[in-house]
Amino acid sequence: MPKYIYRCKKCEKTLEVVHSIKEELTDCEECKLKGTLQRVPSMPFVISKKNKKQKPGALVKKHIEEARQEMEKEKEKLKKAGYKE
């Protein structure tokens, strides 16, 4: 799952959260205000200098596979909820 960075418009607290692409946080847990969190634009992934053996194409392939697995889970959840294709 992707990491997202959020910043509160009021208290300016920054937090990093891992969640599904469909989810979005809006309420700040620090100052307890609703609708004050804003997602900060960021890169989807960073190539680490430590792992020079791994090629960028492998990272893309890994990301695509993770997204495919997440889609399969969502399809199963919808099927259980009674959704028909």
N, C-alpha and C. Protein backbone atom coordinates (compact mmCIF):
# COMPACT_ATOMS: atom_id res chain seq x y z
N MET A 1 0.84 -1.18 0.00
CA MET A 1 0.00 0.00 0.00
C MET A 1 0.88 1.25 0.00
N PRO A 2 0.39 2.28 -0.64
CA PRO A 2 1.19 3.50 -0.73
C PRO A 2 1.20 4.31 0.57
N LYS A 3 2.26 5.09 0.72
CA LYS A 3 2.38 6.00 1.86
C LYS A 3 1.90 7.38 1.42
N TYR A 4 1.20 8.05 2.32
CA TYR A 4 0.73 9.40 2.05
C TYR A 4 1.16 10.30 3.19
N ILE A 5 1.44 11.55 2.86
CA ILE A 5 1.81 12.55 3.85
C ILE A 5 0.66 13.55 3.93
N TYR A 6 0.23 13.82 5.14
CA TYR A 6 -0.83 14.79 5.39
C TYR A 6 -0.31 15.89 6.30
N ARG A 7 -0.85 17.11 6.11
CA ARG A 7 -0.51 18.24 6.96
C ARG A 7 -1.80 18.93 7.38
N CYS A 8 -1.89 19.25 8.67
CA CYS A 8 -3.06 19.95 9.19
C CYS A 8 -2.95 21.43 8.86
N LYS A 9 -4.04 22.00 8.37
CA LYS A 9 -4.06 23.42 8.01
C LYS A 9 -4.02 24.32 9.24
N LYS A 10 -4.49 23.80 10.38
CA LYS A 10 -4.56 24.62 11.60
C LYS A 10 -3.30 24.50 12.47
N CYS A 11 -2.98 23.28 12.90
CA CYS A 11 -1.83 23.11 13.82
C CYS A 11 -0.53 22.82 13.07
N GLU A 12 -0.59 22.61 11.75
CA GLU A 12 0.56 22.36 10.89
C GLU A 12 1.33 21.09 11.23
N LYS A 13 0.69 20.18 11.95
CA LYS A 13 1.27 18.88 12.26
C LYS A 13 1.31 18.06 10.97
N THR A 14 2.44 17.36 10.73
CA THR A 14 2.60 16.52 9.55
C THR A 14 2.63 15.07 9.98
N LEU A 15 1.93 14.20 9.23
CA LEU A 15 1.96 12.79 9.55
C LEU A 15 2.03 11.96 8.27
N GLU A 16 2.66 10.80 8.39
CA GLU A 16 2.80 9.88 7.28
C GLU A 16 1.93 8.67 7.56
N VAL A 17 1.09 8.31 6.58
CA VAL A 17 0.11 7.25 6.77
C VAL A 17 0.17 6.28 5.59
N VAL A 18 0.01 5.00 5.87
CA VAL A 18 -0.08 3.99 4.83
C VAL A 18 -1.53 3.53 4.75
N HIS A 19 -2.14 3.71 3.56
CA HIS A 19 -3.52 3.26 3.38
C HIS A 19 -3.82 3.07 1.90
N SER A 20 -4.98 2.55 1.62
CA SER A 20 -5.42 2.30 0.25
C SER A 20 -5.56 3.61 -0.50
N ILE A 21 -5.44 3.52 -1.81
CA ILE A 21 -5.56 4.71 -2.66
C ILE A 21 -6.97 5.30 -2.59
N LYS A 22 -7.96 4.49 -2.24
CA LYS A 22 -9.34 4.95 -2.15
C LYS A 22 -9.63 5.73 -0.87
N GLU A 23 -8.79 5.55 0.13
CA GLU A 23 -9.02 6.22 1.41
C GLU A 23 -8.40 7.61 1.40
N GLU A 24 -8.94 8.48 2.24
CA GLU A 24 -8.35 9.80 2.43
C GLU A 24 -8.72 10.30 3.81
N LEU A 25 -7.72 10.77 4.54
CA LEU A 25 -7.94 11.30 5.87
C LEU A 25 -8.34 12.76 5.78
N THR A 26 -9.22 13.20 6.67
CA THR A 26 -9.65 14.60 6.67
C THR A 26 -9.58 15.23 8.05
N ASP A 27 -9.61 14.42 9.10
CA ASP A 27 -9.66 14.94 10.47
C ASP A 27 -8.31 14.81 11.16
N CYS A 28 -7.86 15.89 11.79
CA CYS A 28 -6.58 15.91 12.49
C CYS A 28 -6.73 15.30 13.88
N GLU A 29 -5.92 14.31 14.18
CA GLU A 29 -5.96 13.67 15.50
C GLU A 29 -5.25 14.52 16.56
N GLU A 30 -4.34 15.38 16.13
CA GLU A 30 -3.57 16.22 17.06
C GLU A 30 -4.43 17.34 17.65
N CYS A 31 -5.07 18.12 16.77
CA CYS A 31 -5.87 19.26 17.27
C CYS A 31 -7.36 18.94 17.33
N LYS A 32 -7.75 17.72 16.90
CA LYS A 32 -9.13 17.23 16.99
C LYS A 32 -10.13 18.02 16.13
N LEU A 33 -9.65 18.70 15.09
CA LEU A 33 -10.55 19.44 14.20
C LEU A 33 -10.88 18.59 12.98
N LYS A 34 -12.09 18.75 12.50
CA LYS A 34 -12.55 17.97 11.34
C LYS A 34 -12.31 18.75 10.05
N GLY A 35 -11.88 18.04 9.01
CA GLY A 35 -11.70 18.64 7.70
C GLY A 35 -10.48 19.52 7.55
N THR A 36 -9.49 19.37 8.42
CA THR A 36 -8.32 20.25 8.36
C THR A 36 -7.09 19.58 7.73
N LEU A 37 -7.14 18.26 7.53
CA LEU A 37 -5.98 17.59 6.94
C LEU A 37 -5.99 17.75 5.43
N GLN A 38 -4.79 17.96 4.88
CA GLN A 38 -4.63 18.11 3.45
C GLN A 38 -3.47 17.21 3.02
N ARG A 39 -3.70 16.45 1.96
CA ARG A 39 -2.66 15.55 1.47
C ARG A 39 -1.56 16.37 0.80
N VAL A 40 -0.30 16.05 1.15
CA VAL A 40 0.85 16.73 0.58
C VAL A 40 1.32 15.91 -0.62
N PRO A 41 1.47 16.53 -1.79
CA PRO A 41 1.94 15.79 -2.96
C PRO A 41 3.33 15.20 -2.70
N SER A 42 3.52 13.95 -3.13
CA SER A 42 4.81 13.30 -2.94
C SER A 42 5.02 12.27 -4.03
N MET A 43 6.24 11.80 -4.15
CA MET A 43 6.57 10.77 -5.14
C MET A 43 5.99 9.45 -4.66
N PRO A 44 5.48 8.59 -5.59
CA PRO A 44 4.89 7.32 -5.19
C PRO A 44 5.92 6.35 -4.59
N PHE A 45 7.15 6.43 -5.02
CA PHE A 45 8.21 5.61 -4.45
C PHE A 45 9.55 6.25 -4.74
N VAL A 46 10.53 5.92 -3.96
CA VAL A 46 11.87 6.47 -4.11
C VAL A 46 12.84 5.33 -4.31
N ILE A 47 13.73 5.47 -5.28
CA ILE A 47 14.75 4.44 -5.50
C ILE A 47 15.87 4.69 -4.50
N SER A 48 16.12 3.71 -3.68
CA SER A 48 17.13 3.83 -2.65
C SER A 48 18.52 3.65 -3.25
N LYS A 49 19.46 4.46 -2.80
CA LYS A 49 20.84 4.33 -3.26
C LYS A 49 21.50 3.09 -2.67
N LYS A 50 20.97 2.58 -1.57
CA LYS A 50 21.54 1.41 -0.91
C LYS A 50 21.39 0.15 -1.76
N ASN A 51 20.29 0.05 -2.49
CA ASN A 51 19.98 -1.16 -3.24
C ASN A 51 20.22 -0.92 -4.73
N LYS A 52 21.47 -0.89 -5.15
CA LYS A 52 21.81 -0.61 -6.55
C LYS A 52 21.55 -1.81 -7.45
N LYS A 53 21.38 -3.00 -6.88
CA LYS A 53 21.13 -4.19 -7.67
C LYS A 53 19.71 -4.23 -8.23
N GLN A 54 18.79 -3.56 -7.56
CA GLN A 54 17.39 -3.58 -8.00
C GLN A 54 17.19 -2.50 -9.07
N LYS A 55 16.68 -2.89 -10.20
CA LYS A 55 16.46 -1.97 -11.31
C LYS A 55 15.11 -1.27 -11.16
N PRO A 56 15.00 -0.05 -11.71
CA PRO A 56 13.72 0.67 -11.63
C PRO A 56 12.55 -0.12 -12.21
N GLY A 57 12.77 -0.86 -13.26
CA GLY A 57 11.69 -1.68 -13.85
C GLY A 57 11.14 -2.68 -12.87
N ALA A 58 12.01 -3.22 -12.00
CA ALA A 58 11.57 -4.18 -10.99
C ALA A 58 10.67 -3.50 -9.97
N LEU A 59 10.98 -2.24 -9.64
CA LEU A 59 10.13 -1.51 -8.70
C LEU A 59 8.75 -1.26 -9.29
N VAL A 60 8.70 -0.92 -10.57
CA VAL A 60 7.42 -0.69 -11.23
C VAL A 60 6.62 -1.99 -11.27
N LYS A 61 7.28 -3.08 -11.62
CA LYS A 61 6.61 -4.37 -11.68
C LYS A 61 6.04 -4.75 -10.31
N LYS A 62 6.82 -4.49 -9.25
CA LYS A 62 6.37 -4.78 -7.89
C LYS A 62 5.13 -3.93 -7.55
N HIS A 63 5.18 -2.67 -7.90
CA HIS A 63 4.05 -1.77 -7.61
C HIS A 63 2.80 -2.23 -8.36
N ILE A 64 2.96 -2.61 -9.63
CA ILE A 64 1.82 -3.08 -10.42
C ILE A 64 1.23 -4.34 -9.80
N GLU A 65 2.07 -5.26 -9.36
CA GLU A 65 1.60 -6.50 -8.74
C GLU A 65 0.85 -6.21 -7.44
N GLU A 66 1.38 -5.29 -6.63
CA GLU A 66 0.69 -4.92 -5.38
C GLU A 66 -0.68 -4.31 -5.69
N ALA A 67 -0.75 -3.46 -6.71
CA ALA A 67 -2.02 -2.83 -7.08
C ALA A 67 -3.01 -3.89 -7.59
N ARG A 68 -2.51 -4.86 -8.35
CA ARG A 68 -3.37 -5.92 -8.87
C ARG A 68 -3.94 -6.74 -7.71
N GLN A 69 -3.10 -7.05 -6.73
CA GLN A 69 -3.57 -7.82 -5.57
C GLN A 69 -4.61 -7.04 -4.78
N GLU A 70 -4.40 -5.74 -4.65
CA GLU A 70 -5.36 -4.90 -3.94
C GLU A 70 -6.70 -4.86 -4.68
N MET A 71 -6.66 -4.81 -6.01
CA MET A 71 -7.87 -4.83 -6.82
C MET A 71 -8.61 -6.15 -6.66
N GLU A 72 -7.89 -7.26 -6.61
CA GLU A 72 -8.51 -8.56 -6.42
C GLU A 72 -9.23 -8.63 -5.06
N LYS A 73 -8.60 -8.09 -4.04
CA LYS A 73 -9.21 -8.06 -2.71
C LYS A 73 -10.50 -7.24 -2.73
N GLU A 74 -10.46 -6.09 -3.42
CA GLU A 74 -11.65 -5.24 -3.52
C GLU A 74 -12.77 -5.96 -4.27
N LYS A 75 -12.42 -6.69 -5.34
CA LYS A 75 -13.42 -7.44 -6.10
C LYS A 75 -14.08 -8.50 -5.23
N GLU A 76 -13.28 -9.20 -4.44
CA GLU A 76 -13.82 -10.22 -3.54
C GLU A 76 -14.75 -9.59 -2.50
N LYS A 77 -14.33 -8.45 -1.97
CA LYS A 77 -15.15 -7.76 -0.97
C LYS A 77 -16.49 -7.35 -1.57
N LEU A 78 -16.47 -6.85 -2.82
CA LEU A 78 -17.71 -6.45 -3.49
C LEU A 78 -18.60 -7.65 -3.77
N LYS A 79 -17.99 -8.76 -4.17
CA LYS A 79 -18.77 -9.98 -4.42
C LYS A 79 -19.48 -10.44 -3.16
N LYS A 80 -18.79 -10.39 -2.03
CA LYS A 80 -19.38 -10.79 -0.76
C LYS A 80 -20.50 -9.84 -0.34
N ALA A 81 -20.39 -8.59 -0.77
CA ALA A 81 -21.40 -7.60 -0.41
C ALA A 81 -22.61 -7.67 -1.32
N GLY A 82 -22.54 -8.52 -2.37
CA GLY A 82 -23.70 -8.71 -3.22
C GLY A 82 -23.65 -7.96 -4.54
N TYR A 83 -22.51 -7.34 -4.86
CA TYR A 83 -22.36 -6.64 -6.13
C TYR A 83 -22.19 -7.64 -7.25
N LYS A 84 -22.88 -7.41 -8.37
CA LYS A 84 -22.77 -8.32 -9.52
C LYS A 84 -22.17 -7.55 -10.69
N GLU A 85 -21.26 -8.22 -11.41
CA GLU A 85 -20.58 -7.59 -12.55
C GLU A 85 -21.51 -7.54 -13.74
